[in-house]
Amino acid sequence: MADDEEQNADHDSLVDLRARFEEFRISLDDRLRTRDLVLENRLEKLNELREQVSEDRSAYVRGDTFQASTREVRLMTEAVKRESDVKLEEMNKALERVQNWQSKWVGVTAALIAVSGLVGAFIGYVVRR
């Protein structure tokens, strides 16, 4: 009977061990499913982040491209400024020539008026006499 009791004890401990092993396997499966869901969720969020970064990247200009464009704009602005300064200088000279010409004609006109007045006064003097 001792053998039967020993076999029953071994059998009971084997059944108990199998039951614990099955619980452990079920628990492990649950943990693995949970871990898979968490990893899948993280991966999905990383993919969304990657898409956002790609979209944002297309909205920005690279530094070297920006610097080259800025340099080009600065050079064009300087060229336009030099050109406008030259044109402004030419316009000032032309305006000065017109003013000088106008001053000469005003002077000539004033002289003619003065001479006309003198001639008129002389004629008036001659006629009254």
Protein backbone atom coordinates (compact mmCIF):
# COMPACT_ATOMS: atom_id res chain seq x y z
CA MET A 1 0.00 0.00 0.00
CA ALA A 2 2.87 2.30 0.56
CA ASP A 3 3.69 1.95 -3.10
CA ASP A 4 0.10 2.85 -4.04
CA GLU A 5 0.17 5.88 -1.77
CA GLU A 6 3.53 6.86 -3.16
CA GLN A 7 2.25 6.47 -6.71
CA ASN A 8 -0.88 8.46 -5.84
CA ALA A 9 1.29 11.19 -4.28
CA ASP A 10 3.53 11.21 -7.36
CA HIS A 11 0.46 11.23 -9.60
CA ASP A 12 -1.14 14.08 -7.59
CA SER A 13 2.08 16.11 -7.66
CA LEU A 14 2.36 15.44 -11.42
CA VAL A 15 -1.24 16.58 -11.94
CA ASP A 16 -0.55 19.60 -9.74
CA LEU A 17 2.65 20.32 -11.68
CA ARG A 18 0.75 20.01 -14.99
CA ALA A 19 -1.95 22.36 -13.71
CA ARG A 20 0.64 24.90 -12.61
CA PHE A 21 2.47 24.53 -15.90
CA GLU A 22 -0.79 25.10 -17.81
CA GLU A 23 -1.52 28.22 -15.70
CA PHE A 24 2.01 29.44 -16.36
CA ARG A 25 1.63 28.81 -20.12
CA ILE A 26 -1.71 30.67 -20.19
CA SER A 27 -0.22 33.52 -18.16
CA LEU A 28 2.81 33.62 -20.48
CA ASP A 29 0.55 33.64 -23.57
CA ASP A 30 -1.44 36.53 -22.09
CA ARG A 31 1.72 38.46 -21.31
CA LEU A 32 3.08 37.81 -24.81
CA ARG A 33 -0.18 39.01 -26.40
CA THR A 34 -0.11 42.13 -24.22
CA ARG A 35 3.52 42.75 -25.13
CA ASP A 36 2.72 42.27 -28.83
CA LEU A 37 -0.12 44.79 -28.57
CA VAL A 38 2.11 47.30 -26.79
CA LEU A 39 4.87 46.85 -29.37
CA GLU A 40 2.41 47.12 -32.22
CA ASN A 41 0.98 50.31 -30.71
CA ARG A 42 4.47 51.77 -30.32
CA LEU A 43 5.36 50.84 -33.87
CA GLU A 44 2.18 52.48 -35.15
CA LYS A 45 2.97 55.67 -33.22
CA LEU A 46 6.56 55.65 -34.54
CA ASN A 47 5.26 55.31 -38.10
CA GLU A 48 2.89 58.25 -37.52
CA LEU A 49 5.79 60.27 -36.13
CA ARG A 50 7.92 59.36 -39.14
CA GLU A 51 5.15 60.55 -41.47
CA GLN A 52 4.85 63.83 -39.54
CA VAL A 53 8.59 64.37 -39.67
CA SER A 54 8.60 63.70 -43.42
CA GLU A 55 5.74 66.17 -43.94
CA ASP A 56 7.39 68.78 -41.73
CA ARG A 57 10.73 68.31 -43.44
CA SER A 58 9.18 69.16 -46.80
CA ALA A 59 7.92 72.45 -45.33
CA TYR A 60 11.41 73.59 -44.30
CA VAL A 61 14.39 74.65 -46.36
CA ARG A 62 17.79 73.15 -45.75
CA GLY A 63 20.32 75.50 -44.19
CA ASP A 64 22.79 75.42 -47.07
CA THR A 65 20.00 76.05 -49.59
CA PHE A 66 18.73 78.95 -47.49
CA GLN A 67 22.20 80.47 -47.18
CA ALA A 68 22.82 80.16 -50.92
CA SER A 69 19.45 81.76 -51.68
CA THR A 70 20.06 84.51 -49.14
CA ARG A 71 23.47 85.23 -50.63
CA GLU A 72 21.96 85.35 -54.11
CA VAL A 73 19.21 87.72 -52.98
CA ARG A 74 21.77 89.93 -51.22
CA LEU A 75 23.92 90.10 -54.36
CA MET A 76 20.89 90.92 -56.51
CA THR A 77 19.79 93.60 -54.03
CA GLU A 78 23.26 95.16 -54.06
CA ALA A 79 23.30 95.14 -57.88
CA VAL A 80 19.87 96.80 -58.03
CA LYS A 81 20.98 99.38 -55.45
CA ARG A 82 24.14 100.19 -57.44
CA GLU A 83 22.10 100.44 -60.62
CA SER A 84 19.50 102.68 -59.00
CA ASP A 85 22.24 104.86 -57.49
CA VAL A 86 23.74 105.32 -60.97
CA LYS A 87 20.33 106.16 -62.44
CA LEU A 88 19.59 108.55 -59.59
CA GLU A 89 22.94 110.27 -60.18
CA GLU A 90 22.15 110.58 -63.90
CA MET A 91 18.70 112.00 -63.11
CA ASN A 92 20.21 114.52 -60.68
CA LYS A 93 22.68 115.65 -63.33
CA ALA A 94 19.91 115.98 -65.91
CA LEU A 95 17.76 117.95 -63.45
CA GLU A 96 20.72 120.20 -62.69
CA ARG A 97 21.24 120.84 -66.44
CA VAL A 98 17.54 121.69 -66.82
CA GLN A 99 17.72 124.03 -63.83
CA ASN A 100 20.83 125.70 -65.24
CA TRP A 101 19.19 126.05 -68.65
CA GLN A 102 16.03 127.41 -67.02
CA SER A 103 18.08 129.89 -64.97
CA LYS A 104 19.84 131.09 -68.11
CA TRP A 105 16.55 131.63 -69.91
CA VAL A 106 15.07 133.43 -66.92
CA GLY A 107 18.13 135.67 -66.92
CA VAL A 108 17.93 136.23 -70.69
CA THR A 109 14.20 136.93 -70.42
CA ALA A 110 14.76 139.39 -67.57
CA ALA A 111 17.47 141.11 -69.60
CA LEU A 112 15.17 141.31 -72.63
CA ILE A 113 12.40 142.75 -70.49
CA ALA A 114 14.81 145.29 -69.04
CA VAL A 115 16.08 146.20 -72.51
CA SER A 116 12.45 146.41 -73.73
CA GLY A 117 11.64 148.72 -70.84
CA LEU A 118 14.63 150.89 -71.63
CA VAL A 119 13.75 150.97 -75.34
CA GLY A 120 10.13 151.81 -74.45
CA ALA A 121 11.26 154.53 -72.04
CA PHE A 122 13.63 155.90 -74.68
CA ILE A 123 10.87 155.89 -77.31
CA GLY A 124 8.49 157.56 -74.83
CA TYR A 125 11.12 160.18 -74.07
CA VAL A 126 11.77 160.81 -77.75
CA VAL A 127 8.06 161.07 -78.53
CA ARG A 128 7.33 163.59 -75.74
CA ARG A 129 9.97 165.90 -76.81
